[in-house]
Amino acid sequence: MSNIYATWKQKIWLVGLLIVCFMLCTGFQIKTVYAVDSTAISSTQDITLNDEDLMKNAEEKVSVDDIADSYKKLANKLHSNESKQEAAIVKHEKEVQAKKAEKERKRKRKLCKNIIQTALSKKGSHYVWGATGPNVFDCSGLTQWAYRQNGIYIPRVAASQAQYGQKVSKRNLQPGDLLFFRTDKSSNRISHVGMYIGDGKMVHAPTTGDVVKVSSIYSAFWSRTYAWSCRYI
């Protein structure tokens, strides 16, 4: 009886030992697998996180580059539009100024034409020294009267008229300009004035005993005594 008990006791002890060994081995493997799996998972998570950081940085970089590029394009477009607007404004101003200048030229041409017609209307009127019209004239009296009838006031005598106008050369004469002469042999002063009417001619009141008439500014006498010309319009 005691032998049987001892035999069973040994068997139970061996079974228990085997169970303990099995449990220890199994637990180690599970722990090892878990540890390996945990490391793999951790590494995978790290890789995933690193990839996400790289993607995020790349997206941020692309986003900044896109914004900078868009800003540059917008700035260039605004600059281009501003330049076009400035060019359009400058062009418009030039056109406006050109129209104003042309309008002013037409006004002056019309005014000069009227002044000339006023002076020519007195052709045949007698010359009288010191006379200022409306029926008799001296040379400066005729030019002053013709201008005054059209709203332009110039000095009374030829010498003064020669000083206050804008001087122009003979080759640049325009209708309405005044030509001045030194006809007095004993003096160097301006003693005569005529009004240029175009085509190398002038209307003037020459001298005592003569009448208001048209003469060539290139005749021998008037070429020799010519001093200079002035423009009042």
Protein backbone atom coordinates (compact mmCIF):
# COMPACT_ATOMS: atom_id res chain seq x y z
CA MET A 1 0.00 0.00 0.00
CA SER A 2 2.76 2.39 0.91
CA ASN A 3 4.59 1.54 -2.29
CA ILE A 4 1.58 2.34 -4.45
CA TYR A 5 1.15 5.65 -2.63
CA ALA A 6 4.77 6.49 -3.14
CA THR A 7 4.58 5.64 -6.83
CA TRP A 8 1.53 7.89 -7.37
CA LYS A 9 3.16 10.64 -5.39
CA GLN A 10 6.17 10.54 -7.70
CA LYS A 11 3.94 10.60 -10.76
CA ILE A 12 1.95 13.55 -9.46
CA TRP A 13 5.17 15.41 -8.68
CA LEU A 14 6.52 14.73 -12.17
CA VAL A 15 3.27 15.87 -13.79
CA GLY A 16 3.34 19.02 -11.71
CA LEU A 17 6.92 19.66 -12.69
CA LEU A 18 6.08 19.18 -16.34
CA ILE A 19 3.14 21.57 -16.04
CA VAL A 20 5.36 24.20 -14.40
CA CYS A 21 8.01 23.80 -17.08
CA PHE A 22 5.41 24.02 -19.82
CA MET A 23 3.95 27.14 -18.31
CA LEU A 24 7.34 28.74 -17.95
CA CYS A 25 8.30 27.94 -21.51
CA THR A 26 4.99 29.05 -22.90
CA GLY A 27 5.09 32.27 -20.92
CA PHE A 28 8.59 33.08 -22.16
CA GLN A 29 7.58 32.54 -25.76
CA ILE A 30 4.48 34.70 -25.36
CA LYS A 31 6.56 37.39 -23.70
CA THR A 32 9.18 37.13 -26.41
CA VAL A 33 6.59 37.27 -29.17
CA TYR A 34 4.86 40.15 -27.44
CA ALA A 35 8.14 41.95 -27.00
CA VAL A 36 9.05 41.36 -30.62
CA ASP A 37 5.60 42.39 -31.76
CA SER A 38 5.71 45.45 -29.51
CA THR A 39 9.07 46.46 -30.93
CA ALA A 40 7.78 45.96 -34.44
CA ILE A 41 4.65 47.91 -33.67
CA SER A 42 6.71 50.67 -32.03
CA SER A 43 9.05 50.78 -35.02
CA THR A 44 6.09 50.82 -37.39
CA GLN A 45 4.51 53.63 -35.40
CA ASP A 46 7.81 55.56 -35.44
CA ILE A 47 8.10 55.08 -39.19
CA THR A 48 4.50 56.14 -39.64
CA LEU A 49 5.03 59.19 -37.46
CA ASN A 50 8.23 60.08 -39.32
CA ASP A 51 6.43 59.70 -42.64
CA GLU A 52 3.62 61.89 -41.40
CA ASP A 53 6.12 64.54 -40.27
CA LEU A 54 7.85 64.42 -43.64
CA MET A 55 4.52 64.72 -45.44
CA LYS A 56 3.49 67.56 -43.16
CA ASN A 57 6.77 69.39 -43.74
CA ALA A 58 6.47 68.82 -47.46
CA GLU A 59 2.91 70.08 -47.46
CA GLU A 60 3.95 73.13 -45.44
CA LYS A 61 6.82 73.80 -47.86
CA VAL A 62 4.59 73.36 -50.89
CA SER A 63 1.99 75.55 -49.26
CA VAL A 64 4.50 78.37 -48.58
CA ASP A 65 5.96 78.08 -52.08
CA ASP A 66 2.49 78.17 -53.59
CA ILE A 67 1.57 81.24 -51.56
CA ALA A 68 4.82 82.99 -52.51
CA ASP A 69 4.30 82.13 -56.16
CA SER A 70 0.69 83.29 -56.06
CA TYR A 71 1.71 86.53 -54.35
CA LYS A 72 4.42 87.12 -56.96
CA LYS A 73 1.95 86.50 -59.78
CA LEU A 74 -0.60 88.82 -58.15
CA ALA A 75 2.04 91.52 -57.59
CA ASN A 76 3.15 91.25 -61.22
CA LYS A 77 -0.44 91.43 -62.41
CA LEU A 78 -1.16 94.45 -60.23
CA HIS A 79 2.04 96.12 -61.43
CA SER A 80 1.12 95.35 -65.02
CA ASN A 81 -2.39 96.72 -64.54
CA GLU A 82 -0.99 99.80 -62.81
CA SER A 83 1.47 100.36 -65.64
CA LYS A 84 -1.31 99.98 -68.19
CA GLN A 85 -3.48 102.44 -66.26
CA GLU A 86 -0.62 104.94 -66.04
CA ALA A 87 0.06 104.55 -69.75
CA ALA A 88 -3.63 105.05 -70.50
CA ILE A 89 -3.73 108.16 -68.31
CA VAL A 90 -0.60 109.59 -69.95
CA LYS A 91 -2.00 108.84 -73.39
CA HIS A 92 -5.31 110.46 -72.48
CA GLU A 93 -3.55 113.54 -71.08
CA LYS A 94 -1.47 113.85 -74.25
CA GLU A 95 -4.59 113.57 -76.37
CA VAL A 96 -6.36 116.19 -74.25
CA GLN A 97 -3.35 118.52 -74.44
CA ALA A 98 -3.04 117.97 -78.18
CA LYS A 99 -6.71 118.82 -78.65
CA LYS A 100 -6.33 121.93 -76.48
CA ALA A 101 -3.23 122.98 -78.41
CA GLU A 102 -4.98 122.46 -81.75
CA LYS A 103 -8.01 124.37 -80.51
CA GLU A 104 -5.77 127.22 -79.40
CA ARG A 105 -3.95 127.26 -82.75
CA LYS A 106 -7.27 127.46 -84.57
CA ARG A 107 -8.39 130.28 -82.29
CA LYS A 108 -5.21 132.23 -82.95
CA ARG A 109 -5.38 131.64 -86.71
CA LYS A 110 -8.95 132.87 -86.77
CA LEU A 111 -8.06 135.90 -84.64
CA CYS A 112 -5.11 136.79 -86.89
CA LYS A 113 -7.29 136.38 -89.96
CA ASN A 114 -9.85 138.76 -88.48
CA ILE A 115 -7.16 141.32 -87.60
CA ILE A 116 -5.78 141.17 -91.14
CA GLN A 117 -9.24 141.56 -92.63
CA THR A 118 -9.83 144.54 -90.35
CA ALA A 119 -6.62 146.21 -91.56
CA LEU A 120 -7.31 145.36 -95.22
CA SER A 121 -10.75 146.90 -94.90
CA LYS A 122 -8.97 150.27 -94.65
CA LYS A 123 -7.08 149.96 -97.93
CA GLY A 124 -7.13 153.31 -99.69
CA SER A 125 -7.47 155.32 -96.45
CA HIS A 126 -5.09 158.28 -96.40
CA TYR A 127 -1.97 158.45 -94.33
CA VAL A 128 -1.94 161.19 -91.71
CA TRP A 129 0.89 161.42 -89.22
CA GLY A 130 -0.40 160.75 -85.66
CA ALA A 131 -3.82 159.51 -86.88
CA THR A 132 -5.30 156.39 -85.26
CA GLY A 133 -8.44 155.82 -87.40
CA PRO A 134 -11.03 154.99 -88.12
CA ASN A 135 -10.71 156.77 -91.49
CA VAL A 136 -7.13 158.06 -91.57
CA PHE A 137 -4.01 156.47 -90.11
CA ASP A 138 -0.29 156.60 -89.66
CA CYS A 139 1.63 153.30 -89.77
CA SER A 140 1.41 152.38 -86.07
CA GLY A 141 -2.07 153.88 -85.82
CA LEU A 142 -3.29 151.33 -88.41
CA THR A 143 -1.76 148.29 -86.66
CA GLN A 144 -2.93 149.40 -83.23
CA TRP A 145 -6.47 150.08 -84.48
CA ALA A 146 -6.76 146.72 -86.30
CA TYR A 147 -5.62 144.83 -83.21
CA ARG A 148 -7.83 146.85 -80.86
CA GLN A 149 -10.93 146.16 -82.96
CA ASN A 150 -10.35 142.47 -82.22
CA GLY A 151 -9.73 142.83 -78.49
CA ILE A 152 -5.92 142.97 -78.52
CA TYR A 153 -4.22 146.06 -77.12
CA ILE A 154 -0.69 146.92 -78.26
CA PRO A 155 1.44 150.07 -77.74
CA ARG A 156 0.70 153.19 -79.75
CA VAL A 157 3.95 154.00 -81.60
CA ALA A 158 6.09 151.74 -83.83
CA ALA A 159 9.19 151.88 -81.59
CA SER A 160 7.16 150.66 -78.60
CA GLN A 161 5.32 148.00 -80.61
CA ALA A 162 8.74 146.68 -81.65
CA GLN A 163 9.83 146.25 -78.01
CA TYR A 164 6.89 144.46 -76.41
CA GLY A 165 6.05 141.71 -78.89
CA GLN A 166 7.77 138.32 -79.14
CA LYS A 167 10.56 138.56 -81.68
CA VAL A 168 10.42 136.13 -84.62
CA SER A 169 12.72 135.68 -87.58
CA LYS A 170 11.69 136.80 -91.04
CA ARG A 171 11.63 133.21 -92.32
CA ASN A 172 9.21 132.21 -89.54
CA LEU A 173 6.67 134.94 -90.10
CA GLN A 174 2.98 134.11 -89.65
CA PRO A 175 -0.04 136.15 -90.77
CA GLY A 176 -0.73 138.86 -88.20
CA ASP A 177 2.93 139.37 -87.20
CA LEU A 178 4.29 142.91 -87.27
CA LEU A 179 7.38 143.92 -89.28
CA PHE A 180 9.52 146.86 -88.21
CA PHE A 181 11.75 149.07 -90.34
CA ARG A 182 14.35 151.79 -90.01
CA THR A 183 13.34 154.19 -92.79
CA ASP A 184 14.83 157.35 -91.33
CA LYS A 185 18.31 157.77 -92.83
CA SER A 186 19.46 160.10 -90.10
CA SER A 187 18.45 157.76 -87.22
CA ASN A 188 18.81 154.12 -86.20
CA ARG A 189 15.43 154.06 -84.49
CA ILE A 190 12.36 152.06 -85.58
CA SER A 191 10.30 154.42 -87.71
CA HIS A 192 7.82 152.22 -89.59
CA VAL A 193 5.61 149.15 -89.03
CA GLY A 194 3.56 146.93 -91.32
CA MET A 195 1.35 143.85 -90.77
CA TYR A 196 2.29 140.57 -92.44
CA ILE A 197 -0.62 139.02 -94.35
CA GLY A 198 1.16 136.02 -95.88
CA ASP A 199 2.74 135.27 -99.26
CA GLY A 200 5.60 137.69 -98.56
CA LYS A 201 3.29 140.70 -98.32
CA MET A 202 2.25 143.27 -95.72
CA VAL A 203 -0.53 145.81 -95.32
CA HIS A 204 0.63 149.21 -94.05
CA ALA A 205 0.20 152.96 -94.15
CA PRO A 206 3.51 154.03 -95.80
CA THR A 207 4.00 157.78 -95.52
CA THR A 208 2.55 161.23 -96.04
CA GLY A 209 0.79 161.53 -99.39
CA ASP A 210 0.25 157.79 -99.64
CA VAL A 211 -2.63 155.49 -98.63
CA VAL A 212 -3.09 152.18 -96.79
CA LYS A 213 -1.97 149.46 -99.20
CA VAL A 214 -0.33 146.05 -99.65
CA SER A 215 3.39 145.82 -100.46
CA SER A 216 6.00 143.07 -100.87
CA ILE A 217 8.32 142.72 -97.89
CA TYR A 218 11.04 141.57 -100.33
CA SER A 219 11.11 144.72 -102.42
CA ALA A 220 14.47 146.48 -102.52
CA PHE A 221 13.48 149.31 -100.17
CA TRP A 222 11.68 147.20 -97.53
CA SER A 223 14.38 144.53 -97.61
CA ARG A 224 17.10 147.14 -97.07
CA THR A 225 15.32 148.91 -94.20
CA TYR A 226 13.96 145.79 -92.42
CA ALA A 227 14.96 145.53 -88.73
CA TRP A 228 13.02 142.65 -87.11
CA SER A 229 9.56 141.19 -86.58
CA CYS A 230 7.36 140.62 -83.53
CA ARG A 231 4.37 138.44 -82.68
CA TYR A 232 1.54 139.48 -80.38
CA ILE A 233 -0.73 136.45 -80.83
